[in-house]
């Protein structure tokens, strides 16, 4: 059905914008990324109905020391072709030029430029989000908790899909697929 296609395409747009990216630097404090227990998802509205999707392939580099959180660095990289709306036909559709243009832009990324301590054990992450070849400065809260020997980083980043040209041509119409996309991430890393 056309409505489901629109929903899934919208969800794909948003997921790409989430962000998440590769970090160009690593250090002795770098944590070991746990791909199996980490995830990035997006939620978008198509005809005002929320639709969720996820990226199944991502990598993260996190340099985090709980005693010096303001020195943290992070980078996440997502493989756009791993976008999953739950239907193979929809997945193929959102990889096309009008949406993610995965052939030309196979990865989306986030690279931090600063981390600042905030209330209740959170950090404010600031950095560069790149989706579909467009880079935008973003800032968002990240919660951090320790689970056994792991550090768990959770956050939500709202974006506008049209800022990244996700949904070109007729798909720019936000009455069918909303411009707002919410990227959620859950990154697990071990010491």
Protein backbone atom coordinates (compact mmCIF):
# COMPACT_ATOMS: atom_id res chain seq x y z
CA UNK A 1 0.00 0.00 0.00
CA UNK A 2 1.22 3.49 -0.75
CA UNK A 3 0.63 4.68 2.81
CA UNK A 4 2.95 2.05 4.27
CA UNK A 5 5.60 2.95 1.70
CA UNK A 6 5.42 6.58 2.70
CA UNK A 7 5.68 5.68 6.37
CA UNK A 8 8.67 3.50 5.88
CA UNK A 9 10.41 5.99 3.63
CA UNK A 10 9.87 8.71 6.19
CA UNK A 11 11.23 6.49 8.92
CA UNK A 12 14.27 5.74 6.81
CA UNK A 13 14.95 9.41 6.31
CA UNK A 14 14.97 10.03 9.98
CA UNK A 15 17.08 7.08 10.89
CA UNK A 16 19.79 8.19 8.54
CA UNK A 17 19.80 11.51 10.20
CA UNK A 18 20.55 9.82 13.51
CA UNK A 19 22.73 9.80 13.69
CA UNK A 20 25.41 8.19 14.62
CA UNK A 21 28.95 8.33 13.20
CA UNK A 22 32.57 7.31 13.06
CA UNK A 23 35.17 8.93 15.21
CA UNK A 24 38.44 9.74 13.57
CA UNK A 25 40.46 9.46 16.73
CA UNK A 26 41.04 6.82 19.37
CA UNK A 27 43.13 6.93 22.51
CA UNK A 28 44.26 4.75 25.38
CA UNK A 29 40.91 5.41 27.13
CA UNK A 30 38.89 4.22 24.14
CA UNK A 31 36.17 1.77 25.09
CA UNK A 32 35.41 -1.43 23.18
CA UNK A 33 32.20 -1.00 21.17
CA UNK A 34 29.57 -3.74 21.67
CA UNK A 35 27.74 -3.90 18.32
CA UNK A 36 25.48 -6.76 19.42
CA UNK A 37 23.91 -4.75 22.26
CA UNK A 38 23.94 -1.30 20.64
CA UNK A 39 21.33 0.17 18.34
CA UNK A 40 20.13 3.26 16.51
CA UNK A 41 16.48 3.75 15.62
CA UNK A 42 14.32 6.49 14.21
CA UNK A 43 10.69 7.47 14.53
CA UNK A 44 8.87 9.53 11.94
CA UNK A 45 5.23 10.31 11.32
CA UNK A 46 3.50 9.46 8.07
CA UNK A 47 0.05 10.95 7.85
CA UNK A 48 0.44 11.65 11.58
CA UNK A 49 0.99 7.96 12.40
CA UNK A 50 4.33 7.17 14.10
CA UNK A 51 6.58 4.70 12.28
CA UNK A 52 9.77 3.26 13.70
CA UNK A 53 12.76 1.79 11.91
CA UNK A 54 16.32 0.84 12.79
CA UNK A 55 19.80 0.63 11.38
CA UNK A 56 21.29 -2.82 11.84
CA UNK A 57 24.94 -1.99 11.11
CA UNK A 58 26.82 0.66 13.02
CA UNK A 59 30.20 1.24 14.56
CA UNK A 60 31.21 3.56 17.37
CA UNK A 61 34.47 4.80 18.83
CA UNK A 62 34.12 6.19 22.34
CA UNK A 63 36.89 7.69 24.43
CA UNK A 64 35.34 8.15 27.87
CA UNK A 65 36.81 8.42 31.35
CA UNK A 66 34.18 8.77 34.13
CA UNK A 67 36.67 10.82 36.20
CA UNK A 68 37.07 13.36 33.38
CA UNK A 69 33.80 13.32 31.40
CA UNK A 70 34.46 16.67 29.71
CA UNK A 71 37.40 15.11 27.86
CA UNK A 72 35.16 12.47 26.23
CA UNK A 73 35.12 12.03 22.47
CA UNK A 74 32.70 9.97 20.43
CA UNK A 75 32.02 9.02 16.87
CA UNK A 76 29.38 6.84 15.31
CA UNK A 77 29.09 5.60 11.75
CA UNK A 78 25.97 3.99 10.32
CA UNK A 79 25.70 1.94 7.14
CA UNK A 80 22.70 3.39 5.34
CA UNK A 81 22.01 0.14 3.45
CA UNK A 82 21.32 -1.50 6.83
CA UNK A 83 18.17 0.57 7.31
CA UNK A 84 15.28 -1.72 8.21
CA UNK A 85 11.64 -0.69 8.04
CA UNK A 86 10.55 -4.29 8.42
CA UNK A 87 9.76 -4.86 4.74
CA UNK A 88 12.34 -5.60 1.99
CA UNK A 89 10.44 -3.54 -0.63
CA UNK A 90 10.28 -0.48 1.62
CA UNK A 91 13.92 -0.93 2.54
CA UNK A 92 14.89 -0.82 -1.16
CA UNK A 93 12.71 2.23 -1.77
CA UNK A 94 14.32 4.37 0.93
CA UNK A 95 17.81 3.67 -0.39
CA UNK A 96 16.92 5.40 -3.68
CA UNK A 97 18.15 8.86 -4.67
CA UNK A 98 15.02 10.66 -3.45
CA UNK A 99 15.51 9.38 0.08
CA UNK A 100 18.94 8.31 1.36
CA UNK A 101 20.74 7.93 -1.98
CA UNK A 102 22.75 5.09 -0.43
CA UNK A 103 24.70 4.46 -3.64
CA UNK A 104 26.30 7.93 -3.44
CA UNK A 105 26.17 8.36 0.36
CA UNK A 106 26.60 4.89 1.92
CA UNK A 107 27.24 6.14 5.46
CA UNK A 108 25.86 8.64 7.96
CA UNK A 109 28.02 9.80 10.85
CA UNK A 110 28.30 11.81 14.00
CA UNK A 111 31.66 13.07 15.31
CA UNK A 112 31.78 14.97 18.59
CA UNK A 113 33.54 18.30 18.88
CA UNK A 114 32.91 18.71 22.62
CA UNK A 115 31.34 17.02 25.63
CA UNK A 116 30.19 18.99 28.66
CA UNK A 117 29.04 17.65 32.02
CA UNK A 118 25.38 18.34 32.71
CA UNK A 119 22.87 17.51 35.45
CA UNK A 120 22.16 14.02 36.78
CA UNK A 121 25.19 12.28 35.29
CA UNK A 122 24.51 13.35 31.73
CA UNK A 123 26.69 14.97 29.10
CA UNK A 124 25.79 17.48 26.45
CA UNK A 125 27.30 16.20 23.23
CA UNK A 126 28.06 18.71 20.49
CA UNK A 127 29.36 17.73 17.10
CA UNK A 128 28.91 17.25 13.38
CA UNK A 129 26.07 15.10 12.03
CA UNK A 130 26.51 14.10 8.39
CA UNK A 131 23.70 12.53 6.40
CA UNK A 132 23.43 12.31 2.63
CA UNK A 133 26.54 14.45 2.22
CA UNK A 134 25.24 17.36 4.32
CA UNK A 135 26.96 18.20 7.63
CA UNK A 136 25.12 20.08 10.37
CA UNK A 137 26.16 21.13 13.89
CA UNK A 138 24.03 19.41 16.53
CA UNK A 139 23.86 19.29 20.32
CA UNK A 140 21.93 16.80 22.46
CA UNK A 141 21.92 15.24 25.95
CA UNK A 142 23.50 11.84 26.54
CA UNK A 143 22.80 9.80 29.67
CA UNK A 144 25.57 7.55 30.93
CA UNK A 145 25.27 4.61 33.27
CA UNK A 146 27.54 1.81 34.34
CA UNK A 147 26.26 -1.76 33.93
CA UNK A 148 28.82 -4.26 35.17
CA UNK A 149 32.00 -3.61 33.21
CA UNK A 150 30.09 -1.70 30.51
CA UNK A 151 29.34 1.97 30.00
CA UNK A 152 25.92 2.57 28.42
CA UNK A 153 25.22 5.76 26.49
CA UNK A 154 21.62 6.66 25.63
CA UNK A 155 20.27 9.69 23.85
CA UNK A 156 17.63 11.23 21.65
CA UNK A 157 18.36 13.62 18.79
CA UNK A 158 15.46 15.31 16.97
CA UNK A 159 16.24 16.44 13.43
CA UNK A 160 14.47 17.75 10.33
CA UNK A 161 14.74 15.35 7.39
CA UNK A 162 14.57 18.13 4.78
CA UNK A 163 17.70 19.72 6.26
CA UNK A 164 19.52 16.66 4.89
CA UNK A 165 17.53 16.46 1.61
CA UNK A 166 15.89 13.24 2.72
CA UNK A 167 12.72 13.13 0.69
CA UNK A 168 13.31 15.00 -2.55
CA UNK A 169 10.86 15.97 -5.28
CA UNK A 170 7.26 15.12 -4.35
CA UNK A 171 8.53 13.76 -1.03
CA UNK A 172 9.34 17.27 0.20
CA UNK A 173 5.64 17.59 0.99
CA UNK A 174 5.46 17.34 4.78
CA UNK A 175 1.69 16.77 4.83
CA UNK A 176 2.34 13.12 3.94
CA UNK A 177 5.66 12.49 5.72
CA UNK A 178 6.51 14.84 8.59
CA UNK A 179 9.74 16.81 8.52
CA UNK A 180 10.48 15.92 12.16
CA UNK A 181 12.46 12.77 12.82
CA UNK A 182 13.57 11.47 16.20
CA UNK A 183 16.81 9.51 16.34
CA UNK A 184 17.36 7.33 19.40
CA UNK A 185 20.61 5.60 20.21
CA UNK A 186 21.71 3.04 22.77
CA UNK A 187 25.47 2.44 22.67
CA UNK A 188 27.14 -0.13 24.89
CA UNK A 189 30.92 -0.17 25.31
CA UNK A 190 33.26 -2.09 27.62
CA UNK A 191 36.38 -0.89 29.44
